[in-house]
Amino acid sequence: MNVNLPVVVVFGLAAWAAVRLLGIRPWAVALIALFGFYLADTFAAPAVDSGTRTGVEIINDQHD
């Protein structure tokens, strides 16, 4: 059985868990999200995207 799950959903669940279970303040999550949006406009965005895609591919290859 193959399940496709967008990375955004995984990060959203991780943020929700961090707020609920670890006691991280919602403003800190919002600040980190804003940092991500600003990071997407920098020269580092292609490297972050490539690293994320490679990591997902490695995980997917291990489960096949």
N, C-alpha and C. Protein backbone atom coordinates (compact mmCIF):
# COMPACT_ATOMS: atom_id res chain seq x y z
N MET A 1 0.84 -1.17 0.00
CA MET A 1 0.00 0.00 0.00
C MET A 1 0.89 1.24 0.00
N ASN A 2 0.60 2.15 -0.89
CA ASN A 2 1.39 3.36 -1.03
C ASN A 2 0.54 4.56 -0.63
N VAL A 3 1.03 5.36 0.30
CA VAL A 3 0.30 6.53 0.78
C VAL A 3 1.13 7.77 0.48
N ASN A 4 0.52 8.74 -0.17
CA ASN A 4 1.20 10.01 -0.43
C ASN A 4 0.74 11.03 0.60
N LEU A 5 1.69 11.65 1.28
CA LEU A 5 1.39 12.63 2.31
C LEU A 5 2.25 13.86 2.05
N PRO A 6 1.61 15.00 1.77
CA PRO A 6 2.41 16.20 1.52
C PRO A 6 3.25 16.58 2.74
N VAL A 7 4.44 17.08 2.48
CA VAL A 7 5.35 17.48 3.54
C VAL A 7 4.73 18.59 4.38
N VAL A 8 3.94 19.44 3.75
CA VAL A 8 3.29 20.54 4.46
C VAL A 8 2.35 19.99 5.55
N VAL A 9 1.68 18.89 5.28
CA VAL A 9 0.81 18.28 6.28
C VAL A 9 1.64 17.74 7.44
N VAL A 10 2.75 17.12 7.12
CA VAL A 10 3.63 16.59 8.17
C VAL A 10 4.15 17.73 9.05
N PHE A 11 4.59 18.83 8.44
CA PHE A 11 5.07 19.97 9.21
C PHE A 11 3.95 20.60 10.03
N GLY A 12 2.76 20.64 9.46
CA GLY A 12 1.61 21.18 10.20
C GLY A 12 1.29 20.35 11.42
N LEU A 13 1.32 19.04 11.27
CA LEU A 13 1.08 18.15 12.41
C LEU A 13 2.18 18.29 13.46
N ALA A 14 3.41 18.45 13.00
CA ALA A 14 4.52 18.63 13.94
C ALA A 14 4.37 19.95 14.71
N ALA A 15 3.94 21.00 14.02
CA ALA A 15 3.73 22.29 14.70
C ALA A 15 2.59 22.18 15.71
N TRP A 16 1.52 21.52 15.33
CA TRP A 16 0.39 21.34 16.24
C TRP A 16 0.83 20.55 17.49
N ALA A 17 1.59 19.48 17.26
CA ALA A 17 2.08 18.67 18.38
C ALA A 17 3.02 19.47 19.27
N ALA A 18 3.85 20.31 18.67
CA ALA A 18 4.77 21.13 19.46
C ALA A 18 4.01 22.09 20.36
N VAL A 19 2.94 22.67 19.84
CA VAL A 19 2.15 23.61 20.64
C VAL A 19 1.41 22.86 21.75
N ARG A 20 0.77 21.75 21.39
CA ARG A 20 -0.07 21.03 22.35
C ARG A 20 0.74 20.22 23.37
N LEU A 21 1.76 19.51 22.91
CA LEU A 21 2.44 18.56 23.78
C LEU A 21 3.71 19.11 24.42
N LEU A 22 4.42 19.94 23.70
CA LEU A 22 5.69 20.46 24.23
C LEU A 22 5.56 21.82 24.89
N GLY A 23 4.39 22.44 24.75
CA GLY A 23 4.17 23.74 25.38
C GLY A 23 4.83 24.90 24.67
N ILE A 24 5.16 24.73 23.40
CA ILE A 24 5.74 25.84 22.64
C ILE A 24 4.63 26.84 22.35
N ARG A 25 4.93 28.09 22.53
CA ARG A 25 3.93 29.14 22.35
C ARG A 25 3.55 29.29 20.87
N PRO A 26 2.28 29.53 20.58
CA PRO A 26 1.86 29.71 19.18
C PRO A 26 2.58 30.84 18.46
N TRP A 27 2.97 31.90 19.19
CA TRP A 27 3.69 32.99 18.53
C TRP A 27 5.06 32.53 18.04
N ALA A 28 5.67 31.57 18.73
CA ALA A 28 6.97 31.05 18.29
C ALA A 28 6.81 30.25 17.01
N VAL A 29 5.73 29.49 16.92
CA VAL A 29 5.45 28.73 15.69
C VAL A 29 5.21 29.69 14.53
N ALA A 30 4.45 30.76 14.78
CA ALA A 30 4.19 31.76 13.74
C ALA A 30 5.48 32.44 13.30
N LEU A 31 6.35 32.73 14.25
CA LEU A 31 7.64 33.36 13.93
C LEU A 31 8.49 32.44 13.06
N ILE A 32 8.52 31.17 13.38
CA ILE A 32 9.28 30.21 12.60
C ILE A 32 8.69 30.07 11.19
N ALA A 33 7.35 30.07 11.09
CA ALA A 33 6.70 30.01 9.78
C ALA A 33 7.05 31.23 8.93
N LEU A 34 7.03 32.41 9.55
CA LEU A 34 7.41 33.62 8.82
C LEU A 34 8.86 33.55 8.36
N PHE A 35 9.73 33.01 9.20
CA PHE A 35 11.12 32.83 8.81
C PHE A 35 11.21 31.94 7.57
N GLY A 36 10.39 30.89 7.53
CA GLY A 36 10.38 30.00 6.37
C GLY A 36 9.96 30.72 5.10
N PHE A 37 8.95 31.60 5.21
CA PHE A 37 8.52 32.36 4.03
C PHE A 37 9.61 33.30 3.55
N TYR A 38 10.30 33.95 4.47
CA TYR A 38 11.39 34.83 4.08
C TYR A 38 12.58 34.05 3.54
N LEU A 39 12.84 32.88 4.08
CA LEU A 39 13.92 32.03 3.60
C LEU A 39 13.66 31.58 2.16
N ALA A 40 12.40 31.41 1.81
CA ALA A 40 12.04 30.98 0.45
C ALA A 40 12.44 32.00 -0.60
N ASP A 41 12.64 33.25 -0.20
CA ASP A 41 13.03 34.30 -1.15
C ASP A 41 14.54 34.55 -1.19
N THR A 42 15.32 33.73 -0.52
CA THR A 42 16.76 33.93 -0.49
C THR A 42 17.47 32.94 -1.41
N PHE A 43 18.76 33.06 -1.48
CA PHE A 43 19.58 32.17 -2.29
C PHE A 43 19.59 30.75 -1.73
N ALA A 44 19.22 30.57 -0.47
CA ALA A 44 19.24 29.26 0.17
C ALA A 44 18.03 28.40 -0.18
N ALA A 45 17.01 28.99 -0.79
CA ALA A 45 15.77 28.26 -1.08
C ALA A 45 16.00 27.02 -1.95
N PRO A 46 16.78 27.10 -3.04
CA PRO A 46 16.99 25.89 -3.84
C PRO A 46 17.70 24.77 -3.06
N ALA A 47 18.62 25.12 -2.19
CA ALA A 47 19.33 24.11 -1.40
C ALA A 47 18.38 23.45 -0.39
N VAL A 48 17.53 24.25 0.23
CA VAL A 48 16.55 23.70 1.18
C VAL A 48 15.58 22.78 0.45
N ASP A 49 15.10 23.22 -0.70
CA ASP A 49 14.16 22.42 -1.50
C ASP A 49 14.81 21.11 -1.95
N SER A 50 16.02 21.19 -2.43
CA SER A 50 16.73 19.99 -2.88
C SER A 50 16.98 19.03 -1.73
N GLY A 51 17.39 19.55 -0.59
CA GLY A 51 17.64 18.70 0.57
C GLY A 51 16.38 18.02 1.06
N THR A 52 15.27 18.75 1.05
CA THR A 52 14.00 18.17 1.47
C THR A 52 13.56 17.07 0.52
N ARG A 53 13.67 17.34 -0.78
CA ARG A 53 13.27 16.33 -1.77
C ARG A 53 14.15 15.07 -1.67
N THR A 54 15.44 15.27 -1.47
CA THR A 54 16.34 14.13 -1.33
C THR A 54 16.00 13.31 -0.08
N GLY A 55 15.73 13.99 1.01
CA GLY A 55 15.36 13.28 2.24
C GLY A 55 14.08 12.48 2.08
N VAL A 56 13.09 13.06 1.43
CA VAL A 56 11.83 12.35 1.19
C VAL A 56 12.05 11.16 0.27
N GLU A 57 12.87 11.33 -0.75
CA GLU A 57 13.16 10.21 -1.67
C GLU A 57 13.87 9.08 -0.93
N ILE A 58 14.79 9.41 -0.05
CA ILE A 58 15.52 8.37 0.71
C ILE A 58 14.54 7.60 1.59
N ILE A 59 13.66 8.33 2.27
CA ILE A 59 12.69 7.66 3.12
C ILE A 59 11.74 6.79 2.29
N ASN A 60 11.30 7.31 1.14
CA ASN A 60 10.41 6.53 0.29
C ASN A 60 11.09 5.28 -0.27
N ASP A 61 12.37 5.39 -0.61
CA ASP A 61 13.10 4.23 -1.14
C ASP A 61 13.31 3.15 -0.08
N GLN A 62 13.41 3.53 1.17
CA GLN A 62 13.60 2.56 2.23
C GLN A 62 12.34 1.76 2.50
N HIS A 63 11.19 2.32 2.19
CA HIS A 63 9.92 1.66 2.46
C HIS A 63 9.40 0.85 1.27
N ASP A 64 10.06 0.93 0.14
CA ASP A 64 9.62 0.17 -1.04
C ASP A 64 10.17 -1.23 -1.05
